[in-house]
Amino acid sequence: FCTNEKLKRAMFSATNTPVVTKWCRHNLKGLINVTIGHRNAATELVEQELVFVGSERGKLVAFRNIITQGLSPPVLVFVQSKERAQELFNELIYDGINVDVIHADRTQNQRDNVVRCFREGKIWVLICTELMSRGIDFKGVNLVINYDFPPSAISYVHRIGRTGRAGHRGKAITFFTENDTANLRSVAAIMRDSGCQVPEYMLAMKKHSKRERKKMERSAPKRATISTDPRLKRKRDQEDRKERMEKK
C-alpha cells in the first residue's frame, strides 16, 4: 500500500453502482465524482433493438432467423446461466456456424483458449454468461445478442458495451418475453437516452423501487429449457416437478 501523499487514484466504469460508490467513500480521501454524459448510459455508437419473441422457443426461432439473414462476426450471445449456455451451444453447433461457449464450469485453460480463438476469428459466435460482460475487452465485436434479458439496467449497459468500442459502430439485439416485463422499462429508458426509438408503452410501465430492483437482479426468472432434445426436456420437466413438490 503506497503512502505517498501526492498519489492519485482513479477508477473508471461505464456504470456507477451503489456498492462501488460506498467503497470509494470509505477508502478514498477527497473523492471527486466525474460523470461524462448520462449516468449508467449506453453509447450512441450502438444500434439497439428490442425483439418480442413470445416464448422461450421463439428465441431459438428468432436467433436462427438472424443467422439465415447473415451474421457479421464476431458475435457475443448472453444467457442467464451456464446450463442455458451449454443448451444453446448444443443447439447451434449443428447449424453450420463456428460457435463455442464459455462459462464457470470450463477450466481456466479451456476459457483462455476460447478467448484466444474468438479474438483470432476462429470462433464467430461466443455464448457466455455475465462473466464476459465486464473486464474482458474484445476488439471489433459487431453484434451482441441478449438471448436472455439482462437482470438489471447496469447489466444491460455492460453487455452491449462489448460492441461499439473505440469509435466503431455496433449493434445489440435483446430478446424478451412476457416474463421479462419487470425490467423492460429500465432498459427502454437507456435506449431512449442513447437516441433509440422505443414504444411509449414501455416507458409508461411501473417504475420499481430500489429494493424491488435488487430482488429482481438476484433472482432470474425460471425459464423453459432451450434444448429441443426430448430426452433433455423430459429430464428438465422431472426436475421442475421435483422442485415444486419440495416447495409444497
Protein backbone atom coordinates (compact mmCIF):
# COMPACT_ATOMS: atom_id res chain seq x y z
CA PHE A 1 0.00 0.00 0.00
CA CYS A 2 1.55 3.31 -1.10
CA THR A 3 1.55 6.12 1.50
CA ASN A 4 2.80 8.89 -0.79
CA GLU A 5 0.61 11.93 -0.09
CA LYS A 6 0.79 13.01 -3.76
CA LEU A 7 -0.54 9.68 -5.01
CA LYS A 8 -3.66 9.99 -7.19
CA ARG A 9 -6.14 7.13 -7.58
CA ALA A 10 -8.73 6.97 -10.36
CA MET A 11 -11.46 4.44 -11.13
CA PHE A 12 -13.29 4.22 -14.46
CA SER A 13 -16.50 2.41 -15.34
CA ALA A 14 -19.42 2.61 -17.77
CA THR A 15 -21.71 2.34 -14.74
CA ASN A 16 -21.70 3.56 -11.16
CA THR A 17 -23.23 1.14 -8.67
CA PRO A 18 -24.13 2.00 -5.03
CA VAL A 19 -21.72 -0.69 -3.78
CA VAL A 20 -18.74 0.83 -5.62
CA THR A 21 -19.71 4.36 -4.53
CA LYS A 22 -19.87 3.24 -0.88
CA TRP A 23 -16.46 1.58 -1.13
CA CYS A 24 -14.89 4.69 -2.68
CA ARG A 25 -16.30 6.98 0.01
CA HIS A 26 -14.92 4.69 2.70
CA ASN A 27 -11.46 4.10 1.22
CA LEU A 28 -10.57 7.20 -0.82
CA LYS A 29 -9.84 10.67 0.51
CA GLY A 30 -11.04 13.83 -1.23
CA LEU A 31 -13.27 11.85 -3.55
CA ILE A 32 -14.39 13.61 -6.75
CA ASN A 33 -17.03 12.02 -8.98
CA VAL A 34 -16.89 12.97 -12.68
CA THR A 35 -19.74 11.87 -14.95
CA ILE A 36 -19.48 12.23 -18.73
CA GLY A 37 -22.85 12.10 -20.49
CA HIS A 38 -25.79 10.33 -18.86
CA ARG A 39 -25.10 8.24 -15.78
CA ASN A 40 -25.28 4.47 -16.43
CA ALA A 41 -25.90 5.14 -20.14
CA ALA A 42 -25.17 3.29 -23.37
CA THR A 43 -23.04 4.71 -26.17
CA GLU A 44 -24.79 6.19 -29.19
CA LEU A 45 -22.50 4.11 -31.41
CA VAL A 46 -24.57 1.00 -30.63
CA GLU A 47 -27.77 0.45 -32.59
CA GLN A 48 -30.16 -1.13 -30.09
CA GLU A 49 -33.20 -3.26 -30.84
CA LEU A 50 -35.80 -4.98 -28.64
CA VAL A 51 -37.44 -8.07 -30.15
CA PHE A 52 -40.54 -9.66 -28.63
CA VAL A 53 -40.25 -13.42 -29.23
CA GLY A 54 -43.37 -14.64 -27.42
CA SER A 55 -41.81 -17.65 -25.70
CA GLU A 56 -38.53 -19.39 -24.99
CA ARG A 57 -38.99 -21.45 -28.14
CA GLY A 58 -39.48 -18.18 -30.04
CA LYS A 59 -35.97 -17.11 -29.04
CA LEU A 60 -34.41 -20.03 -30.87
CA VAL A 61 -36.53 -19.30 -33.95
CA ALA A 62 -35.56 -15.60 -33.87
CA PHE A 63 -31.88 -16.47 -33.42
CA ARG A 64 -31.90 -18.83 -36.38
CA ASN A 65 -33.64 -16.15 -38.46
CA ILE A 66 -30.75 -13.80 -37.69
CA ILE A 67 -28.30 -16.49 -38.82
CA THR A 68 -30.29 -17.06 -42.02
CA GLN A 69 -30.25 -13.33 -42.83
CA GLY A 70 -26.47 -13.33 -42.49
CA LEU A 71 -24.23 -12.82 -39.48
CA SER A 72 -21.36 -10.37 -39.36
CA PRO A 73 -18.92 -11.96 -36.87
CA PRO A 74 -17.70 -11.69 -34.22
CA VAL A 75 -20.92 -12.06 -32.18
CA LEU A 76 -21.38 -12.31 -28.40
CA VAL A 77 -24.52 -14.03 -27.06
CA PHE A 78 -25.55 -13.62 -23.41
CA VAL A 79 -27.66 -16.08 -21.43
CA GLN A 80 -28.51 -16.11 -17.72
CA SER A 81 -26.84 -19.37 -16.61
CA LYS A 82 -24.09 -21.82 -17.53
CA GLU A 83 -26.72 -24.54 -18.03
CA ARG A 84 -28.55 -22.45 -20.61
CA ALA A 85 -25.25 -21.51 -22.27
CA GLN A 86 -24.49 -25.20 -22.79
CA GLU A 87 -28.03 -25.91 -24.03
CA LEU A 88 -27.83 -23.15 -26.64
CA PHE A 89 -24.38 -24.33 -27.73
CA ASN A 90 -25.73 -27.86 -28.23
CA GLU A 91 -28.48 -26.43 -30.47
CA LEU A 92 -26.26 -24.16 -32.58
CA ILE A 93 -23.29 -26.49 -33.06
CA TYR A 94 -25.21 -28.24 -35.86
CA ASP A 95 -26.28 -25.03 -37.66
CA GLY A 96 -23.05 -24.70 -39.64
CA ILE A 97 -21.51 -21.76 -37.76
CA ASN A 98 -18.30 -21.60 -35.75
CA VAL A 99 -19.73 -21.39 -32.24
CA ASP A 100 -18.29 -22.01 -28.78
CA VAL A 101 -19.29 -21.44 -25.18
CA ILE A 102 -17.57 -20.05 -22.10
CA HIS A 103 -18.79 -20.39 -18.51
CA ALA A 104 -17.58 -21.13 -14.98
CA ASP A 105 -17.60 -24.93 -15.39
CA ARG A 106 -14.91 -24.84 -18.06
CA THR A 107 -11.29 -24.99 -16.93
CA GLN A 108 -9.11 -21.88 -16.99
CA ASN A 109 -7.12 -23.38 -19.86
CA GLN A 110 -10.33 -24.00 -21.85
CA ARG A 111 -11.55 -20.46 -21.19
CA ASP A 112 -8.22 -18.94 -22.22
CA ASN A 113 -8.25 -20.99 -25.42
CA VAL A 114 -11.83 -19.92 -26.27
CA VAL A 115 -11.00 -16.24 -25.70
CA ARG A 116 -7.89 -16.54 -27.90
CA CYS A 117 -9.80 -18.27 -30.71
CA PHE A 118 -12.56 -15.66 -30.55
CA ARG A 119 -10.02 -12.85 -30.83
CA GLU A 120 -8.32 -14.61 -33.76
CA GLY A 121 -11.61 -15.01 -35.63
CA LYS A 122 -11.68 -18.80 -35.42
CA ILE A 123 -14.89 -18.58 -33.37
CA TRP A 124 -17.67 -16.50 -34.92
CA VAL A 125 -20.28 -16.75 -32.17
CA LEU A 126 -19.38 -16.94 -28.48
CA ILE A 127 -22.10 -17.88 -25.98
CA CYS A 128 -21.45 -16.62 -22.47
CA THR A 129 -22.90 -15.58 -19.12
CA GLU A 130 -22.43 -12.38 -17.10
CA LEU A 131 -18.81 -13.47 -16.65
CA MET A 132 -17.98 -11.92 -20.03
CA SER A 133 -19.98 -8.70 -19.71
CA ARG A 134 -17.21 -6.96 -17.76
CA GLY A 135 -13.46 -6.93 -17.62
CA ILE A 136 -12.55 -8.70 -20.88
CA ASP A 137 -12.06 -6.42 -23.88
CA PHE A 138 -12.73 -7.71 -27.40
CA LYS A 139 -11.93 -5.51 -30.38
CA GLY A 140 -14.35 -5.37 -33.28
CA VAL A 141 -17.40 -7.17 -31.86
CA ASN A 142 -20.12 -6.36 -34.40
CA LEU A 143 -23.17 -7.78 -32.67
CA VAL A 144 -24.32 -8.52 -29.12
CA ILE A 145 -27.42 -10.67 -28.67
CA ASN A 146 -29.11 -10.73 -25.27
CA TYR A 147 -30.72 -14.14 -25.67
CA ASP A 148 -31.88 -13.90 -22.05
CA PHE A 149 -33.00 -10.49 -20.84
CA PRO A 150 -30.42 -8.79 -18.58
CA PRO A 151 -31.21 -8.83 -14.83
CA SER A 152 -30.69 -5.07 -14.46
CA ALA A 153 -30.12 -1.86 -16.40
CA ILE A 154 -26.46 -1.86 -15.34
CA SER A 155 -26.05 -5.41 -16.65
CA TYR A 156 -27.60 -4.29 -19.95
CA VAL A 157 -25.13 -1.40 -20.29
CA HIS A 158 -22.15 -3.67 -19.67
CA ARG A 159 -23.39 -6.39 -22.02
CA ILE A 160 -24.00 -4.14 -25.01
CA GLY A 161 -20.81 -2.25 -24.16
CA ARG A 162 -18.88 -5.19 -25.63
CA THR A 163 -19.66 -3.67 -29.04
CA GLY A 164 -19.44 -0.08 -30.29
CA ARG A 165 -15.96 0.39 -28.84
CA ALA A 166 -13.08 2.66 -29.88
CA GLY A 167 -15.22 4.67 -32.30
CA HIS A 168 -16.58 1.64 -34.19
CA ARG A 169 -20.32 1.17 -34.60
CA GLY A 170 -22.08 -1.98 -33.38
CA LYS A 171 -25.50 -3.49 -32.84
CA ALA A 172 -27.29 -5.03 -29.86
CA ILE A 173 -30.43 -7.17 -30.13
CA THR A 174 -32.36 -8.04 -26.96
CA PHE A 175 -34.99 -10.78 -26.93
CA PHE A 176 -37.83 -10.52 -24.43
CA THR A 177 -40.94 -12.45 -23.42
CA GLU A 178 -43.80 -11.65 -21.05
CA ASN A 179 -41.61 -12.96 -18.20
CA ASP A 180 -39.18 -10.07 -18.78
CA THR A 181 -41.55 -7.11 -18.50
CA ALA A 182 -40.37 -6.26 -14.96
CA ASN A 183 -37.04 -4.91 -16.26
CA LEU A 184 -38.31 -3.71 -19.62
CA ARG A 185 -38.89 -0.09 -18.59
CA SER A 186 -35.34 0.49 -17.31
CA VAL A 187 -33.76 -0.94 -20.47
CA ALA A 188 -36.15 1.04 -22.69
CA ALA A 189 -35.16 4.24 -20.84
CA ILE A 190 -31.46 3.57 -21.53
CA MET A 191 -32.25 3.04 -25.20
CA ARG A 192 -34.23 6.28 -25.37
CA ASP A 193 -31.44 8.26 -23.68
CA SER A 194 -28.94 6.99 -26.27
CA GLY A 195 -31.13 8.11 -29.18
CA CYS A 196 -33.02 4.90 -29.99
CA GLN A 197 -36.73 4.76 -30.75
CA VAL A 198 -38.77 2.78 -28.19
CA PRO A 199 -42.55 2.31 -27.85
CA GLU A 200 -44.18 4.69 -25.38
CA TYR A 201 -45.94 1.87 -23.52
CA MET A 202 -42.56 0.54 -22.35
CA LEU A 203 -41.61 3.88 -20.81
CA ALA A 204 -45.04 4.10 -19.14
CA MET A 205 -44.58 0.81 -17.27
CA LYS A 206 -44.33 0.68 -13.49
CA LYS A 207 -41.12 2.07 -12.03
CA HIS A 208 -39.78 -0.33 -9.41
CA SER A 209 -38.27 0.66 -6.07
CA LYS A 210 -34.58 0.11 -5.31
CA ARG A 211 -35.45 -2.89 -3.12
CA GLU A 212 -37.54 -4.46 -5.88
CA ARG A 213 -34.76 -3.92 -8.43
CA LYS A 214 -32.21 -5.62 -6.17
CA LYS A 215 -34.54 -8.57 -5.66
CA MET A 216 -35.08 -8.96 -9.41
CA GLU A 217 -31.33 -8.77 -10.02
CA ARG A 218 -30.67 -11.62 -7.56
CA SER A 219 -33.43 -13.95 -8.78
CA ALA A 220 -33.54 -14.66 -12.52
CA PRO A 221 -36.89 -15.83 -13.92
CA LYS A 222 -37.48 -19.56 -14.27
CA ARG A 223 -37.27 -20.33 -17.97
CA ALA A 224 -38.21 -23.31 -20.13
CA THR A 225 -35.29 -25.32 -21.49
CA ILE A 226 -33.62 -24.19 -24.70
CA SER A 227 -32.93 -27.75 -25.79
CA THR A 228 -35.15 -29.40 -28.41
CA ASP A 229 -33.79 -32.85 -27.44
CA PRO A 230 -36.82 -34.73 -25.99
CA ARG A 231 -34.61 -36.62 -23.51
CA LEU A 232 -33.25 -33.41 -22.01
CA LYS A 233 -36.71 -31.86 -21.95
CA ARG A 234 -38.09 -34.85 -20.01
CA LYS A 235 -35.21 -34.61 -17.55
CA ARG A 236 -35.85 -30.87 -17.05
CA ASP A 237 -39.59 -31.48 -16.55
CA GLN A 238 -38.84 -34.12 -13.92
CA GLU A 239 -36.51 -31.73 -12.09
CA ASP A 240 -39.17 -28.99 -12.17
CA ARG A 241 -41.83 -31.34 -10.77
CA LYS A 242 -39.46 -32.45 -8.01
CA GLU A 243 -38.71 -28.82 -7.13
CA ARG A 244 -42.43 -27.97 -6.94
CA MET A 245 -43.09 -30.98 -4.68
CA GLU A 246 -40.27 -29.96 -2.33
CA LYS A 247 -41.71 -26.45 -2.05
CA LYS A 248 -45.08 -27.89 -1.01
